[in-house]
Structures are given as structure tokens and as C-alpha cells.
C-alpha atoms as a PDB file:
ATOM      1  CA  MET A   1      42.388  11.886 -46.310  1.00  0.00           C
ATOM      2  CA  HIS A   2      40.914   8.344 -46.533  1.00  0.00           C
ATOM      3  CA  THR A   3      37.183   7.919 -46.463  1.00  0.00           C
ATOM      4  CA  LEU A   4      35.397   5.618 -44.010  1.00  0.00           C
ATOM      5  CA  PHE A   5      34.624   3.174 -46.817  1.00  0.00           C
ATOM      6  CA  SER A   6      38.299   2.947 -47.824  1.00  0.00           C
ATOM      7  CA  ARG A   7      39.333   2.224 -44.239  1.00  0.00           C
ATOM      8  CA  LEU A   8      36.658  -0.460 -43.820  1.00  0.00           C
ATOM      9  CA  ASN A   9      37.691  -2.046 -47.112  1.00  0.00           C
ATOM     10  CA  ALA A  10      41.360  -2.122 -46.088  1.00  0.00           C
ATOM     11  CA  THR A  11      40.498  -3.582 -42.678  1.00  0.00           C
ATOM     12  CA  PHE A  12      38.297  -6.274 -44.245  1.00  0.00           C
ATOM     13  CA  ALA A  13      40.955  -7.239 -46.797  1.00  0.00           C
ATOM     14  CA  PHE A  14      43.635  -7.424 -44.098  1.00  0.00           C
ATOM     15  CA  SER A  15      41.361  -9.581 -41.904  1.00  0.00           C
ATOM     16  CA  LEU A  16      40.743 -12.020 -44.761  1.00  0.00           C
ATOM     17  CA  SER A  17      44.477 -12.282 -45.415  1.00  0.00           C
ATOM     18  CA  VAL A  18      45.188 -13.031 -41.761  1.00  0.00           C
ATOM     19  CA  LEU A  19      42.369 -15.593 -41.652  1.00  0.00           C
ATOM     20  CA  ALA A  20      43.675 -17.331 -44.786  1.00  0.00           C
ATOM     21  CA  PHE A  21      47.204 -17.435 -43.360  1.00  0.00           C
ATOM     22  CA  LEU A  22      46.001 -18.877 -40.043  1.00  0.00           C
ATOM     23  CA  THR A  23      43.896 -21.487 -41.861  1.00  0.00           C
ATOM     24  CA  LEU A  24      46.962 -22.546 -43.832  1.00  0.00           C
ATOM     25  CA  LEU A  25      49.001 -22.893 -40.631  1.00  0.00           C
ATOM     26  CA  PHE A  26      46.248 -24.936 -38.990  1.00  0.00           C
ATOM     27  CA  ALA A  27      46.019 -27.254 -42.025  1.00  0.00           C
ATOM     28  CA  LEU A  28      49.793 -27.761 -42.045  1.00  0.00           C
ATOM     29  CA  SER A  29      49.740 -28.623 -38.333  1.00  0.00           C
ATOM     30  CA  THR A  30      48.009 -31.970 -39.098  1.00  0.00           C
ATOM     31  CA  SER A  31      49.289 -32.662 -42.629  1.00  0.00           C
ATOM     32  CA  TYR A  32      52.269 -34.633 -41.322  1.00  0.00           C
ATOM     33  CA  LYS A  33      50.217 -37.115 -39.283  1.00  0.00           C
ATOM     34  CA  ASP A  34      50.006 -40.759 -40.333  1.00  0.00           C
ATOM     35  CA  TYR A  35      46.400 -41.394 -39.389  1.00  0.00           C
ATOM     36  CA  GLY A  36      46.558 -45.035 -40.428  1.00  0.00           C
ATOM     37  CA  GLN A  37      48.844 -45.879 -37.506  1.00  0.00           C
ATOM     38  CA  LEU A  38      46.243 -44.539 -35.075  1.00  0.00           C
ATOM     39  CA  VAL A  39      43.651 -47.161 -36.058  1.00  0.00           C
ATOM     40  CA  ASP A  40      43.312 -50.291 -33.934  1.00  0.00           C
ATOM     41  CA  VAL A  41      41.614 -52.943 -36.072  1.00  0.00           C
ATOM     42  CA  GLN A  42      41.060 -56.694 -35.999  1.00  0.00           C
ATOM     43  CA  MET A  43      39.291 -58.609 -38.755  1.00  0.00           C
ATOM     44  CA  LYS A  44      38.683 -62.234 -39.635  1.00  0.00           C
ATOM     45  CA  VAL A  45      36.746 -64.131 -42.299  1.00  0.00           C
ATOM     46  CA  ILE A  46      34.452 -66.719 -40.726  1.00  0.00           C
ATOM     47  CA  LYS A  47      33.027 -68.316 -43.870  1.00  0.00           C
ATOM     48  CA  SER A  48      33.725 -67.962 -47.582  1.00  0.00           C
ATOM     49  CA  PHE A  49      32.546 -69.694 -50.722  1.00  0.00           C
ATOM     50  CA  VAL A  50      32.104 -69.018 -54.446  1.00  0.00           C
ATOM     51  CA  ARG A  51      29.040 -69.465 -56.612  1.00  0.00           C
ATOM     52  CA  ARG A  52      28.805 -69.380 -60.395  1.00  0.00           C
ATOM     53  CA  GLU A  53      25.997 -66.926 -61.063  1.00  0.00           C
ATOM     54  CA  LEU A  54      24.427 -65.056 -63.936  1.00  0.00           C
ATOM     55  CA  ASP A  55      25.674 -61.448 -63.934  1.00  0.00           C
ATOM     56  CA  TYR A  56      23.116 -59.213 -65.627  1.00  0.00           C
ATOM     57  CA  ASN A  57      25.298 -56.125 -65.152  1.00  0.00           C
ATOM     58  CA  ILE A  58      27.578 -57.132 -68.028  1.00  0.00           C
ATOM     59  CA  GLY A  59      25.162 -59.098 -70.164  1.00  0.00           C
ATOM     60  CA  LYS A  60      24.068 -62.643 -69.572  1.00  0.00           C
ATOM     61  CA  ALA A  61      27.479 -64.023 -68.615  1.00  0.00           C
ATOM     62  CA  HIS A  62      28.169 -66.417 -65.765  1.00  0.00           C
ATOM     63  CA  ASN A  63      30.803 -65.035 -63.404  1.00  0.00           C
ATOM     64  CA  ASP A  64      32.145 -65.826 -59.962  1.00  0.00           C
ATOM     65  CA  LEU A  65      30.236 -64.385 -57.020  1.00  0.00           C
ATOM     66  CA  GLY A  66      32.090 -64.426 -53.714  1.00  0.00           C
ATOM     67  CA  VAL A  67      30.133 -64.666 -50.478  1.00  0.00           C
ATOM     68  CA  LEU A  68      31.634 -63.974 -47.063  1.00  0.00           C
ATOM     69  CA  GLN A  69      30.864 -63.755 -43.408  1.00  0.00           C
ATOM     70  CA  TYR A  70      33.426 -61.793 -41.419  1.00  0.00           C
ATOM     71  CA  ASN A  71      34.113 -60.068 -38.110  1.00  0.00           C
ATOM     72  CA  LEU A  72      35.445 -56.514 -37.925  1.00  0.00           C
ATOM     73  CA  ASP A  73      36.447 -54.692 -34.757  1.00  0.00           C
ATOM     74  CA  ALA A  74      37.907 -51.218 -35.313  1.00  0.00           C
ATOM     75  CA  ASP A  75      38.644 -48.316 -32.963  1.00  0.00           C
ATOM     76  CA  MET A  76      39.082 -44.991 -34.795  1.00  0.00           C
ATOM     77  CA  GLU A  77      38.475 -42.552 -31.951  1.00  0.00           C
ATOM     78  CA  LYS A  78      42.133 -41.441 -31.955  1.00  0.00           C
ATOM     79  CA  LEU A  79      41.718 -40.119 -35.488  1.00  0.00           C
ATOM     80  CA  PHE A  80      39.464 -37.290 -34.332  1.00  0.00           C
ATOM     81  CA  ASP A  81      41.847 -34.458 -33.630  1.00  0.00           C
ATOM     82  CA  TRP A  82      40.739 -30.819 -33.851  1.00  0.00           C
ATOM     83  CA  ASN A  83      41.005 -30.778 -37.667  1.00  0.00           C
ATOM     84  CA  VAL A  84      38.976 -33.921 -38.477  1.00  0.00           C
ATOM     85  CA  LYS A  85      35.347 -33.300 -39.370  1.00  0.00           C
ATOM     86  CA  GLN A  86      34.270 -36.667 -40.752  1.00  0.00           C
ATOM     87  CA  LEU A  87      35.556 -40.155 -41.592  1.00  0.00           C
ATOM     88  CA  PHE A  88      34.506 -42.247 -44.563  1.00  0.00           C
ATOM     89  CA  VAL A  89      35.480 -45.825 -43.759  1.00  0.00           C
ATOM     90  CA  TYR A  90      35.364 -48.687 -46.240  1.00  0.00           C
ATOM     91  CA  LEU A  91      36.474 -52.318 -46.340  1.00  0.00           C
ATOM     92  CA  THR A  92      37.892 -53.694 -49.592  1.00  0.00           C
ATOM     93  CA  ALA A  93      38.728 -57.160 -50.866  1.00  0.00           C
ATOM     94  CA  ASN A  94      41.910 -57.108 -52.952  1.00  0.00           C
ATOM     95  CA  TYR A  95      43.216 -59.918 -55.150  1.00  0.00           C
ATOM     96  CA  GLN A  96      45.015 -60.761 -58.379  1.00  0.00           C
ATOM     97  CA  THR A  97      43.908 -62.855 -61.341  1.00  0.00           C
ATOM     98  CA  LYS A  98      45.508 -63.944 -64.596  1.00  0.00           C
ATOM     99  CA  ASP A  99      43.663 -61.207 -66.474  1.00  0.00           C
ATOM    100  CA  ASN A 100      43.914 -58.364 -63.932  1.00  0.00           C
ATOM    101  CA  VAL A 101      46.811 -57.546 -61.657  1.00  0.00           C
ATOM    102  CA  VAL A 102      44.688 -55.280 -59.467  1.00  0.00           C
ATOM    103  CA  ASN A 103      41.159 -56.196 -58.375  1.00  0.00           C
ATOM    104  CA  GLN A 104      39.546 -54.182 -55.590  1.00  0.00           C
ATOM    105  CA  ILE A 105      35.955 -54.587 -54.430  1.00  0.00           C
ATOM    106  CA  VAL A 106      34.290 -52.503 -51.729  1.00  0.00           C
ATOM    107  CA  ILE A 107      32.227 -54.842 -49.540  1.00  0.00           C
ATOM    108  CA  TRP A 108      31.294 -52.449 -46.701  1.00  0.00           C
ATOM    109  CA  ASP A 109      31.371 -48.716 -45.989  1.00  0.00           C
ATOM    110  CA  HIS A 110      30.388 -46.378 -43.179  1.00  0.00           C
ATOM    111  CA  ILE A 111      30.409 -42.646 -42.354  1.00  0.00           C
ATOM    112  CA  ILE A 112      31.484 -41.436 -38.900  1.00  0.00           C
ATOM    113  CA  ASN A 113      30.845 -37.792 -38.049  1.00  0.00           C
ATOM    114  CA  ARG A 114      32.506 -35.840 -35.266  1.00  0.00           C
ATOM    115  CA  GLY A 115      30.654 -36.650 -32.067  1.00  0.00           C
ATOM    116  CA  ASP A 116      29.596 -40.112 -33.252  1.00  0.00           C
ATOM    117  CA  PRO A 117      31.046 -43.250 -31.632  1.00  0.00           C
ATOM    118  CA  GLY A 118      34.402 -43.967 -33.242  1.00  0.00           C
ATOM    119  CA  LYS A 119      34.253 -47.721 -32.712  1.00  0.00           C
ATOM    120  CA  VAL A 120      32.875 -50.290 -35.139  1.00  0.00           C
ATOM    121  CA  ASN A 121      32.053 -53.850 -34.141  1.00  0.00           C
ATOM    122  CA  LEU A 122      30.642 -56.184 -36.793  1.00  0.00           C
ATOM    123  CA  VAL A 123      29.993 -59.853 -36.038  1.00  0.00           C
ATOM    124  CA  ASN A 124      29.134 -62.418 -38.726  1.00  0.00           C
ATOM    125  CA  LYS A 125      28.698 -59.561 -41.180  1.00  0.00           C
ATOM    126  CA  SER A 126      27.836 -60.238 -44.813  1.00  0.00           C
ATOM    127  CA  PRO A 127      29.008 -57.925 -47.632  1.00  0.00           C
ATOM    128  CA  GLU A 128      26.811 -54.913 -48.303  1.00  0.00           C
ATOM    129  CA  TYR A 129      27.736 -55.010 -51.989  1.00  0.00           C
ATOM    130  CA  TYR A 130      28.005 -57.874 -54.456  1.00  0.00           C
ATOM    131  CA  MET A 131      31.500 -59.326 -54.718  1.00  0.00           C
ATOM    132  CA  TRP A 132      31.498 -60.022 -58.446  1.00  0.00           C
ATOM    133  CA  ASP A 133      34.527 -61.037 -60.479  1.00  0.00           C
ATOM    134  CA  ASP A 134      34.534 -60.415 -64.224  1.00  0.00           C
ATOM    135  CA  GLY A 135      35.327 -64.077 -64.880  1.00  0.00           C
ATOM    136  CA  ASN A 136      36.357 -66.996 -62.695  1.00  0.00           C
ATOM    137  CA  GLY A 137      39.098 -65.263 -60.729  1.00  0.00           C
ATOM    138  CA  LEU A 138      37.638 -66.021 -57.291  1.00  0.00           C
ATOM    139  CA  LEU A 139      37.438 -69.792 -57.555  1.00  0.00           C
ATOM    140  CA  GLY A 140      40.474 -71.256 -55.819  1.00  0.00           C
ATOM    141  CA  ASN A 141      42.028 -67.842 -55.230  1.00  0.00           C
ATOM    142  CA  ARG A 142      44.321 -68.265 -52.241  1.00  0.00           C
ATOM    143  CA  ASN A 143      45.397 -64.677 -51.743  1.00  0.00           C
ATOM    144  CA  VAL A 144      42.395 -62.419 -51.112  1.00  0.00           C
ATOM    145  CA  THR A 145      43.202 -59.614 -48.677  1.00  0.00           C
ATOM    146  CA  LEU A 146      40.811 -57.459 -46.676  1.00  0.00           C
ATOM    147  CA  ASN A 147      41.987 -53.888 -46.078  1.00  0.00           C
ATOM    148  CA  LEU A 148      40.334 -51.125 -44.081  1.00  0.00           C
ATOM    149  CA  SER A 149      40.740 -47.674 -45.641  1.00  0.00           C
ATOM    150  CA  ILE A 150      39.710 -44.296 -44.268  1.00  0.00           C
ATOM    151  CA  ASN A 151      39.112 -41.026 -46.090  1.00  0.00           C
ATOM    152  CA  ILE A 152      39.672 -38.177 -43.632  1.00  0.00           C
ATOM    153  CA  ILE A 153      37.602 -35.050 -44.270  1.00  0.00           C
ATOM    154  CA  PRO A 154      39.288 -32.108 -42.485  1.00  0.00           C
ATOM    155  CA  ASN A 155      37.973 -28.773 -41.293  1.00  0.00           C
ATOM    156  CA  ALA A 156      40.812 -27.116 -43.175  1.00  0.00           C
ATOM    157  CA  GLY A 157      43.217 -28.529 -45.720  1.00  0.00           C
ATOM    158  CA  PHE A 158      43.258 -31.384 -48.176  1.00  0.00           C
ATOM    159  CA  LEU A 159      41.407 -34.687 -47.891  1.00  0.00           C
ATOM    160  CA  GLN A 160      43.734 -37.401 -46.611  1.00  0.00           C
ATOM    161  CA  LYS A 161      43.542 -41.147 -47.133  1.00  0.00           C
ATOM    162  CA  ALA A 162      44.725 -43.609 -44.502  1.00  0.00           C
ATOM    163  CA  LEU A 163      45.168 -47.375 -44.568  1.00  0.00           C
ATOM    164  CA  ALA A 164      44.824 -49.389 -41.379  1.00  0.00           C
ATOM    165  CA  PRO A 165      48.060 -51.233 -40.550  1.00  0.00           C
ATOM    166  CA  THR A 166      46.295 -54.567 -40.015  1.00  0.00           C
ATOM    167  CA  SER A 167      44.934 -56.642 -42.898  1.00  0.00           C
ATOM    168  CA  HIS A 168      43.542 -60.148 -43.210  1.00  0.00           C
ATOM    169  CA  THR A 169      44.242 -62.671 -45.973  1.00  0.00           C
ATOM    170  CA  PHE A 170      41.984 -65.613 -46.738  1.00  0.00           C
ATOM    171  CA  GLN A 171      41.275 -67.988 -49.603  1.00  0.00           C
ATOM    172  CA  PHE A 172      38.271 -69.166 -51.553  1.00  0.00           C
ATOM    173  CA  PRO A 173      37.651 -72.919 -52.024  1.00  0.00           C
ATOM    174  CA  ASP A 174      38.539 -74.784 -55.231  1.00  0.00           C
ATOM    175  CA  LYS A 175      34.967 -75.896 -55.926  1.00  0.00           C
ATOM    176  CA  TYR A 176      31.777 -73.977 -56.455  1.00  0.00           C
ATOM    177  CA  ALA A 177      29.464 -74.133 -53.470  1.00  0.00           C
ATOM    178  CA  ASP A 178      26.225 -76.073 -53.329  1.00  0.00           C
ATOM    179  CA  ILE A 179      25.244 -74.180 -50.176  1.00  0.00           C
ATOM    180  CA  GLU A 180      24.365 -70.603 -49.383  1.00  0.00           C
ATOM    181  CA  LEU A 181      24.476 -68.662 -46.172  1.00  0.00           C
ATOM    182  CA  GLU A 182      22.066 -70.022 -43.603  1.00  0.00           C
ATOM    183  CA  ALA A 183      21.141 -66.499 -42.506  1.00  0.00           C
ATOM    184  CA  THR A 184      19.443 -63.891 -44.614  1.00  0.00           C
ATOM    185  CA  VAL A 185      21.976 -61.957 -46.669  1.00  0.00           C
ATOM    186  CA  THR A 186      21.212 -58.308 -47.383  1.00  0.00           C
ATOM    187  CA  ILE A 187      23.305 -56.861 -50.187  1.00  0.00           C
ATOM    188  CA  LYS A 188      23.391 -53.363 -51.629  1.00  0.00           C
ATOM    189  CA  PRO A 189      24.648 -53.773 -55.232  1.00  0.00           C
ATOM    190  CA  SER A 190      24.400 -50.041 -55.901  1.00  0.00           C
ATOM    191  CA  PRO A 191      22.943 -46.886 -54.299  1.00  0.00           C
ATOM    192  CA  GLY A 192      19.189 -46.927 -54.456  1.00  0.00           C
ATOM    193  CA  THR A 193      18.948 -50.680 -54.980  1.00  0.00           C
ATOM    194  CA  LEU A 194      18.379 -53.167 -52.173  1.00  0.00           C
ATOM    195  CA  LEU A 195      18.150 -56.899 -52.721  1.00  0.00           C
ATOM    196  CA  THR A 196      17.635 -59.573 -50.088  1.00  0.00           C
ATOM    197  CA  ILE A 197      18.605 -63.199 -50.627  1.00  0.00           C
ATOM    198  CA  ALA A 198      17.238 -65.690 -48.133  1.00  0.00           C
ATOM    199  CA  SER A 199      18.600 -69.203 -48.412  1.00  0.00           C
ATOM    200  CA  THR A 200      19.287 -72.275 -46.363  1.00  0.00           C
ATOM    201  CA  GLN A 201      21.870 -74.968 -46.484  1.00  0.00           C
ATOM    202  CA  ALA A 202      21.186 -77.608 -49.095  1.00  0.00           C
ATOM    203  CA  GLU A 203      20.925 -81.161 -47.930  1.00  0.00           C
END
């Protein structure tokens, strides 16, 4: 005859097995979705120029520093189904150079939790992070593409990555700029560091 402890142990083990099986089914129910197609996004670069600056991160070398002002309007509310807990959204600038086939720089990121507004509207936004090139690959580059990517953190299952179907391609000028942004530019080069550059147009 089974003891009370043996029966409780068997019931608990069976309950965990059922819970694990149901969690697997729930995770599979959203694994097929292409979340990227559910994003409605519009973006446009308003102003762009390149400066030749001293990059202390890799020694005292002068490298290209890209500066932008852009608009971003994105609606991601349709991404929040029952299995989405959080979205990590980031905007990247992608381009090619003679030395590197793939160059990808994150210029903005944002976290959207369940219950938060799923729409983002940025007007005349400057990059949050420095857009450094490890040489002179930005000057005269005519094929720089902005892409909006989303990491989808689920309640159950694996993390999924989605790419918004709309991108925007722009070019940098052929000459280094003698002007800087008229507005104050706040840039976050790395977590924990905040630099502010205030400049005006040169006469």
C-alpha cells in the first residue's frame, strides 16, 4: 500500500510533466509567426554629414564620425500577442567599405514592456551612440541603410529576432563637414557614459 508521501510525490511529478508539455505547446503556437511583417515603420534621414575626428577608443587615430538627424515612426502594438513579454528595439546603420564587407552600428535602442505604448515617434532625432568608422569608410559612402530590428522576449519559448520590412538608404557627402548640428547633440557612446556636444553652424 502506497504511503501519503509517495502519492503526493507522484501527483507533483505528474503535474510538472503536464505543465512542461503545455508550456511547450504554448511556445510552439507562436514560433511560426513572422513578427517583422507586423511592424509598420517609416523612417527618413533629414541631415547627414561626416567629420574627421580623433578617436581615443582605438588610440590617437583620426577616423570618420558620422552625424545624422532622422525621423522614425514605428507602430509595434501588433507584436504583443499573449506570448510576448518584452520588446528590445534597436536601429542600425549598415554599410560596406573596402576593408569590411559588413559594418553595423547601433544608433538608437529602446525597451518596450507589455502594457507600455507600442508606438515610437522620433522627430529630428540624433544618434544616441557615436557612429564611428574604423577608417574613412563613411566619407562619400552612397549606400548606408537604416534597419529597425526587434528582439522578442517571450513568456515561454526561445527569443526571436525580427526585422522590420521597411528600410531607408541614404548617402554621406564627399567632403568633410565644416558645420555641426545646430541643436545640442546628446550621445551615449557606451553604458554609463554620457557626453553632450553643443555646437552651432560655422559662418
